[in-house]
């Protein structure tokens, strides 16, 4: 009887195969995940992708770019949030003078601005 080779190479796919229990299995290795710090916005988007767009999530995960994609999105969301807050402060007249005159009113307005700006970021960047 013919003895099977321990390993073979498929030129059409470029993959190597190893014999295991009379079956050839591909020699696949997972790329080591690169360390990308993912903040709040990246984690929110990751959860959204898992639940609402599992195919896109798996494509990003299997291609090895999920970490960098989420880190980039997180950075973009933070920058957009800061810009939106600053613009809303100017438009609504929330200044350091107000802070010095009436701290509670300043905090109330800033919390309102921040909450609205976060909702804008969620609808425009995170949940799309």
N, C-alpha and C. Protein backbone atom coordinates (compact mmCIF):
# COMPACT_ATOMS: atom_id res chain seq x y z
N UNK A 1 0.83 -1.18 0.00
CA UNK A 1 0.00 0.00 0.00
C UNK A 1 0.87 1.24 0.00
N UNK A 2 0.40 2.32 -0.63
CA UNK A 2 1.16 3.57 -0.69
C UNK A 2 1.17 4.26 0.66
N UNK A 3 2.32 4.74 1.02
CA UNK A 3 2.42 5.51 2.26
C UNK A 3 2.30 6.98 1.88
N UNK A 4 1.47 7.71 2.62
CA UNK A 4 1.24 9.12 2.34
C UNK A 4 2.41 9.96 2.85
N UNK A 5 2.68 11.03 2.11
CA UNK A 5 3.75 11.94 2.53
C UNK A 5 3.32 12.67 3.79
N UNK A 6 4.31 12.99 4.63
CA UNK A 6 4.02 13.69 5.89
C UNK A 6 3.52 15.11 5.65
N UNK A 7 4.03 15.76 4.61
CA UNK A 7 3.59 17.11 4.30
C UNK A 7 3.63 17.31 2.79
N UNK A 8 2.71 18.15 2.32
CA UNK A 8 2.65 18.47 0.89
C UNK A 8 2.45 19.96 0.73
N UNK A 9 2.71 20.46 -0.48
CA UNK A 9 2.53 21.88 -0.80
C UNK A 9 1.60 21.98 -2.01
N UNK A 10 0.59 22.82 -1.92
CA UNK A 10 -0.35 23.05 -3.01
C UNK A 10 0.06 24.33 -3.72
N UNK A 11 0.51 24.22 -4.96
CA UNK A 11 0.97 25.38 -5.71
C UNK A 11 -0.16 26.33 -6.09
N UNK A 12 -1.36 25.83 -6.26
CA UNK A 12 -2.46 26.70 -6.65
C UNK A 12 -2.88 27.65 -5.53
N UNK A 13 -2.86 27.17 -4.29
CA UNK A 13 -3.24 28.03 -3.16
C UNK A 13 -2.03 28.57 -2.41
N UNK A 14 -0.89 27.94 -2.58
CA UNK A 14 0.31 28.37 -1.87
C UNK A 14 0.35 27.89 -0.43
N UNK A 15 -0.52 26.94 -0.08
CA UNK A 15 -0.57 26.45 1.29
C UNK A 15 0.19 25.14 1.45
N UNK A 16 0.73 24.96 2.65
CA UNK A 16 1.36 23.70 3.01
C UNK A 16 0.37 22.90 3.86
N UNK A 17 0.41 21.56 3.69
CA UNK A 17 -0.49 20.69 4.43
C UNK A 17 0.33 19.63 5.16
N UNK A 18 -0.14 19.23 6.33
CA UNK A 18 0.50 18.19 7.14
C UNK A 18 -0.47 17.04 7.33
N UNK A 19 0.04 15.83 7.25
CA UNK A 19 -0.78 14.63 7.41
C UNK A 19 -1.08 14.39 8.89
N UNK A 20 -2.37 14.31 9.22
CA UNK A 20 -2.81 14.04 10.58
C UNK A 20 -3.95 13.03 10.49
N UNK A 21 -3.71 11.79 11.01
CA UNK A 21 -4.74 10.74 11.00
C UNK A 21 -5.34 10.51 9.62
N UNK A 22 -4.51 10.34 8.63
CA UNK A 22 -4.92 10.07 7.24
C UNK A 22 -5.67 11.22 6.58
N UNK A 23 -5.53 12.42 7.12
CA UNK A 23 -6.14 13.61 6.52
C UNK A 23 -5.08 14.70 6.46
N UNK A 24 -5.09 15.43 5.36
CA UNK A 24 -4.18 16.56 5.25
C UNK A 24 -4.86 17.81 5.79
N UNK A 25 -4.23 18.45 6.76
CA UNK A 25 -4.74 19.68 7.34
C UNK A 25 -3.80 20.82 6.96
N UNK A 26 -4.36 22.00 6.65
CA UNK A 26 -3.50 23.13 6.27
C UNK A 26 -2.70 23.64 7.46
N UNK A 27 -1.49 24.07 7.17
CA UNK A 27 -0.63 24.66 8.21
C UNK A 27 -0.98 26.15 8.30
N UNK A 28 -1.90 26.46 9.16
CA UNK A 28 -2.35 27.84 9.33
C UNK A 28 -1.83 28.39 10.65
N UNK A 29 -1.43 29.63 10.61
CA UNK A 29 -1.01 30.30 11.85
C UNK A 29 -1.76 31.62 11.94
N UNK A 30 -2.16 31.96 13.12
CA UNK A 30 -2.82 33.23 13.35
C UNK A 30 -1.76 34.29 13.60
N UNK A 31 -1.96 35.43 12.97
CA UNK A 31 -1.03 36.53 13.19
C UNK A 31 -1.19 37.03 14.61
N UNK A 32 -0.09 37.36 15.23
CA UNK A 32 -0.14 37.89 16.60
C UNK A 32 -0.86 39.23 16.57
N UNK A 33 -1.85 39.40 17.41
CA UNK A 33 -2.58 40.66 17.40
C UNK A 33 -1.68 41.81 17.84
N UNK A 34 -1.72 42.86 17.06
CA UNK A 34 -0.94 44.05 17.41
C UNK A 34 -1.64 44.76 18.56
N UNK A 35 -0.87 45.32 19.42
CA UNK A 35 -1.43 46.01 20.56
C UNK A 35 -1.88 47.41 20.14
N UNK A 36 -3.18 47.59 20.10
CA UNK A 36 -3.76 48.89 19.80
C UNK A 36 -4.67 49.25 20.96
N UNK A 37 -4.39 50.34 21.63
CA UNK A 37 -5.28 50.72 22.73
C UNK A 37 -6.64 51.12 22.19
N UNK A 38 -7.66 50.48 22.68
CA UNK A 38 -9.01 50.79 22.25
C UNK A 38 -9.75 51.39 23.42
N UNK A 39 -10.25 52.59 23.22
CA UNK A 39 -10.96 53.29 24.28
C UNK A 39 -12.45 53.03 24.25
N UNK A 40 -13.15 53.92 24.88
CA UNK A 40 -14.60 53.78 25.05
C UNK A 40 -15.32 53.67 23.71
N UNK A 41 -15.00 54.54 22.77
CA UNK A 41 -15.70 54.56 21.49
C UNK A 41 -15.39 53.32 20.68
N UNK A 42 -14.16 52.86 20.72
CA UNK A 42 -13.79 51.64 20.01
C UNK A 42 -14.52 50.43 20.56
N UNK A 43 -14.63 50.36 21.89
CA UNK A 43 -15.35 49.24 22.50
C UNK A 43 -16.84 49.27 22.15
N UNK A 44 -17.43 50.48 22.14
CA UNK A 44 -18.84 50.60 21.76
C UNK A 44 -19.06 50.13 20.32
N UNK A 45 -18.17 50.55 19.43
CA UNK A 45 -18.32 50.17 18.03
C UNK A 45 -18.09 48.68 17.84
N UNK A 46 -17.16 48.12 18.58
CA UNK A 46 -16.91 46.67 18.50
C UNK A 46 -18.16 45.89 18.91
N UNK A 47 -18.78 46.29 19.99
CA UNK A 47 -20.01 45.64 20.44
C UNK A 47 -21.11 45.78 19.40
N UNK A 48 -21.22 46.98 18.83
CA UNK A 48 -22.21 47.22 17.78
C UNK A 48 -21.97 46.31 16.58
N UNK A 49 -20.71 46.22 16.15
CA UNK A 49 -20.39 45.35 15.01
C UNK A 49 -20.72 43.89 15.31
N UNK A 50 -20.37 43.42 16.49
CA UNK A 50 -20.65 42.03 16.86
C UNK A 50 -22.14 41.73 16.80
N UNK A 51 -22.96 42.66 17.29
CA UNK A 51 -24.39 42.41 17.38
C UNK A 51 -25.14 42.69 16.08
N UNK A 52 -24.77 43.76 15.39
CA UNK A 52 -25.55 44.20 14.23
C UNK A 52 -24.95 43.83 12.88
N UNK A 53 -23.63 43.70 12.82
CA UNK A 53 -22.94 43.40 11.56
C UNK A 53 -21.88 42.31 11.79
N UNK A 54 -22.31 41.10 12.13
CA UNK A 54 -21.33 40.05 12.47
C UNK A 54 -20.42 39.67 11.31
N UNK A 55 -20.89 39.76 10.08
CA UNK A 55 -20.04 39.42 8.93
C UNK A 55 -18.91 40.43 8.80
N UNK A 56 -19.24 41.71 8.90
CA UNK A 56 -18.19 42.75 8.82
C UNK A 56 -17.20 42.61 9.98
N UNK A 57 -17.72 42.32 11.17
CA UNK A 57 -16.87 42.13 12.34
C UNK A 57 -15.89 40.97 12.10
N UNK A 58 -16.40 39.85 11.61
CA UNK A 58 -15.54 38.69 11.36
C UNK A 58 -14.52 38.96 10.27
N UNK A 59 -14.90 39.72 9.25
CA UNK A 59 -13.94 40.07 8.21
C UNK A 59 -12.80 40.90 8.78
N UNK A 60 -13.13 41.89 9.59
CA UNK A 60 -12.09 42.72 10.21
C UNK A 60 -11.22 41.90 11.16
N UNK A 61 -11.86 41.02 11.91
CA UNK A 61 -11.13 40.20 12.88
C UNK A 61 -10.19 39.23 12.17
N UNK A 62 -10.70 38.53 11.17
CA UNK A 62 -9.89 37.52 10.49
C UNK A 62 -8.80 38.12 9.62
N UNK A 63 -9.00 39.34 9.14
CA UNK A 63 -7.97 39.97 8.33
C UNK A 63 -6.88 40.59 9.21
N UNK A 64 -7.13 40.66 10.52
CA UNK A 64 -6.12 41.16 11.45
C UNK A 64 -6.08 42.67 11.58
N UNK A 65 -7.09 43.37 11.08
CA UNK A 65 -7.08 44.83 11.14
C UNK A 65 -8.10 45.40 12.12
N UNK A 66 -8.79 44.53 12.86
CA UNK A 66 -9.82 45.00 13.78
C UNK A 66 -9.24 45.95 14.82
N UNK A 67 -8.12 45.58 15.42
CA UNK A 67 -7.52 46.43 16.47
C UNK A 67 -7.15 47.80 15.97
N UNK A 68 -6.49 47.88 14.83
CA UNK A 68 -6.09 49.18 14.30
C UNK A 68 -7.30 49.98 13.84
N UNK A 69 -8.31 49.29 13.29
CA UNK A 69 -9.54 49.95 12.86
C UNK A 69 -10.24 50.59 14.06
N UNK A 70 -10.37 49.85 15.16
CA UNK A 70 -11.04 50.37 16.35
C UNK A 70 -10.24 51.49 17.00
N UNK A 71 -8.90 51.36 17.01
CA UNK A 71 -8.06 52.41 17.60
C UNK A 71 -8.19 53.70 16.79
N UNK A 72 -8.21 53.58 15.48
CA UNK A 72 -8.35 54.75 14.61
C UNK A 72 -9.71 55.40 14.81
N UNK A 73 -10.76 54.59 14.89
CA UNK A 73 -12.11 55.11 15.10
C UNK A 73 -12.21 55.79 16.46
N UNK A 74 -11.60 55.20 17.47
CA UNK A 74 -11.62 55.77 18.81
C UNK A 74 -10.95 57.14 18.82
N UNK A 75 -9.81 57.25 18.19
CA UNK A 75 -9.09 58.53 18.13
C UNK A 75 -9.91 59.58 17.38
N UNK A 76 -10.50 59.16 16.27
CA UNK A 76 -11.32 60.07 15.48
C UNK A 76 -12.53 60.55 16.29
N UNK A 77 -13.16 59.66 17.02
CA UNK A 77 -14.33 60.01 17.83
C UNK A 77 -13.95 60.98 18.94
N UNK A 78 -12.81 60.75 19.59
CA UNK A 78 -12.36 61.66 20.66
C UNK A 78 -12.10 63.06 20.11
N UNK A 79 -11.43 63.14 18.95
CA UNK A 79 -11.16 64.44 18.34
C UNK A 79 -12.45 65.15 17.95
N UNK A 80 -13.37 64.40 17.37
CA UNK A 80 -14.65 64.97 16.96
C UNK A 80 -15.45 65.44 18.16
N UNK A 81 -15.41 64.67 19.25
CA UNK A 81 -16.11 65.06 20.48
C UNK A 81 -15.57 66.37 21.03
N UNK A 82 -14.25 66.50 21.11
CA UNK A 82 -13.64 67.73 21.62
C UNK A 82 -14.01 68.93 20.76
N UNK A 83 -13.98 68.74 19.44
CA UNK A 83 -14.32 69.83 18.53
C UNK A 83 -15.79 70.22 18.67
N UNK A 84 -16.66 69.24 18.74
CA UNK A 84 -18.10 69.51 18.87
C UNK A 84 -18.41 70.23 20.17
N UNK A 85 -17.80 69.80 21.26
CA UNK A 85 -18.01 70.46 22.55
C UNK A 85 -17.55 71.91 22.49
N UNK A 86 -16.38 72.12 21.93
CA UNK A 86 -15.84 73.49 21.83
C UNK A 86 -16.76 74.38 21.00
N UNK A 87 -17.26 73.86 19.88
CA UNK A 87 -18.15 74.64 19.03
C UNK A 87 -19.48 74.93 19.72
N UNK A 88 -20.00 73.97 20.45
CA UNK A 88 -21.27 74.18 21.15
C UNK A 88 -21.10 75.17 22.30
N UNK A 89 -19.95 75.13 22.96
CA UNK A 89 -19.68 76.09 24.03
C UNK A 89 -19.70 77.51 23.48
N UNK A 90 -19.03 77.71 22.36
CA UNK A 90 -18.98 79.04 21.75
C UNK A 90 -20.36 79.50 21.31
N UNK A 91 -21.12 78.58 20.70
CA UNK A 91 -22.44 78.93 20.20
C UNK A 91 -23.42 79.27 21.32
N UNK A 92 -23.28 78.62 22.46
CA UNK A 92 -24.21 78.83 23.56
C UNK A 92 -23.69 79.80 24.62
N UNK A 93 -22.49 80.34 24.42
CA UNK A 93 -21.94 81.33 25.34
C UNK A 93 -21.53 80.79 26.69
N UNK A 94 -21.08 79.55 26.73
CA UNK A 94 -20.61 78.96 27.98
C UNK A 94 -19.11 79.26 28.06
N UNK A 95 -18.78 80.24 28.91
CA UNK A 95 -17.41 80.73 28.98
C UNK A 95 -16.85 80.60 30.39
N UNK A 96 -15.59 80.97 30.53
CA UNK A 96 -14.94 80.99 31.84
C UNK A 96 -15.56 82.06 32.73
N UNK A 97 -16.09 83.11 32.13
CA UNK A 97 -16.76 84.15 32.92
C UNK A 97 -18.00 83.59 33.59
N UNK A 98 -18.75 82.78 32.87
CA UNK A 98 -19.92 82.12 33.46
C UNK A 98 -19.50 81.18 34.58
N UNK A 99 -18.39 80.48 34.36
CA UNK A 99 -17.88 79.55 35.37
C UNK A 99 -17.54 80.30 36.66
N UNK A 100 -16.93 81.47 36.51
CA UNK A 100 -16.56 82.25 37.68
C UNK A 100 -17.79 82.85 38.36
N UNK A 101 -18.78 83.22 37.59
CA UNK A 101 -19.97 83.87 38.15
C UNK A 101 -20.94 82.87 38.77
N UNK A 102 -21.20 81.76 38.08
CA UNK A 102 -22.20 80.78 38.55
C UNK A 102 -21.74 79.37 38.18
N UNK A 103 -21.02 78.74 39.11
CA UNK A 103 -20.43 77.44 38.81
C UNK A 103 -21.48 76.37 38.54
N UNK A 104 -22.56 76.35 39.29
CA UNK A 104 -23.58 75.32 39.10
C UNK A 104 -24.24 75.44 37.72
N UNK A 105 -24.50 76.66 37.29
CA UNK A 105 -25.09 76.87 35.96
C UNK A 105 -24.11 76.43 34.87
N UNK A 106 -22.82 76.73 35.08
CA UNK A 106 -21.79 76.32 34.10
C UNK A 106 -21.72 74.79 34.01
N UNK A 107 -21.74 74.12 35.15
CA UNK A 107 -21.70 72.65 35.17
C UNK A 107 -22.94 72.08 34.48
N UNK A 108 -24.11 72.63 34.77
CA UNK A 108 -25.34 72.17 34.15
C UNK A 108 -25.27 72.29 32.63
N UNK A 109 -24.83 73.44 32.16
CA UNK A 109 -24.73 73.65 30.70
C UNK A 109 -23.67 72.76 30.06
N UNK A 110 -22.54 72.61 30.74
CA UNK A 110 -21.47 71.77 30.19
C UNK A 110 -21.91 70.30 30.12
N UNK A 111 -22.61 69.82 31.14
CA UNK A 111 -23.12 68.46 31.11
C UNK A 111 -24.11 68.27 29.96
N UNK A 112 -24.95 69.28 29.74
CA UNK A 112 -25.91 69.22 28.64
C UNK A 112 -25.17 69.18 27.30
N UNK A 113 -24.17 70.03 27.16
CA UNK A 113 -23.39 70.07 25.91
C UNK A 113 -22.68 68.75 25.69
N UNK A 114 -22.05 68.24 26.73
CA UNK A 114 -21.32 66.97 26.59
C UNK A 114 -22.24 65.82 26.20
N UNK A 115 -23.39 65.74 26.85
CA UNK A 115 -24.35 64.67 26.54
C UNK A 115 -24.83 64.76 25.09
N UNK A 116 -25.14 65.96 24.64
CA UNK A 116 -25.59 66.12 23.25
C UNK A 116 -24.47 65.81 22.27
N UNK A 117 -23.26 66.23 22.58
CA UNK A 117 -22.12 65.95 21.70
C UNK A 117 -21.84 64.45 21.63
N UNK A 118 -21.97 63.75 22.75
CA UNK A 118 -21.76 62.30 22.74
C UNK A 118 -22.82 61.59 21.91
N UNK A 119 -24.05 62.07 21.95
CA UNK A 119 -25.11 61.48 21.13
C UNK A 119 -24.82 61.70 19.64
N UNK A 120 -24.29 62.85 19.31
CA UNK A 120 -23.91 63.12 17.91
C UNK A 120 -22.83 62.15 17.46
N UNK A 121 -21.82 61.93 18.28
CA UNK A 121 -20.73 61.01 17.96
C UNK A 121 -21.28 59.59 17.79
N UNK A 122 -22.16 59.19 18.68
CA UNK A 122 -22.74 57.84 18.59
C UNK A 122 -23.50 57.64 17.29
N UNK A 123 -24.29 58.63 16.90
CA UNK A 123 -25.11 58.47 15.69
C UNK A 123 -24.30 58.62 14.42
N UNK A 124 -23.24 59.43 14.43
CA UNK A 124 -22.49 59.69 13.20
C UNK A 124 -21.30 58.73 13.01
N UNK A 125 -20.70 58.26 14.08
CA UNK A 125 -19.49 57.44 13.95
C UNK A 125 -19.62 56.03 14.49
N UNK A 126 -20.29 55.85 15.60
CA UNK A 126 -20.26 54.57 16.29
C UNK A 126 -21.32 53.61 15.78
N UNK A 127 -22.55 54.04 15.70
CA UNK A 127 -23.64 53.15 15.32
C UNK A 127 -24.01 53.31 13.85
N UNK A 128 -23.03 53.13 12.98
CA UNK A 128 -23.27 53.21 11.52
C UNK A 128 -22.78 51.94 10.86
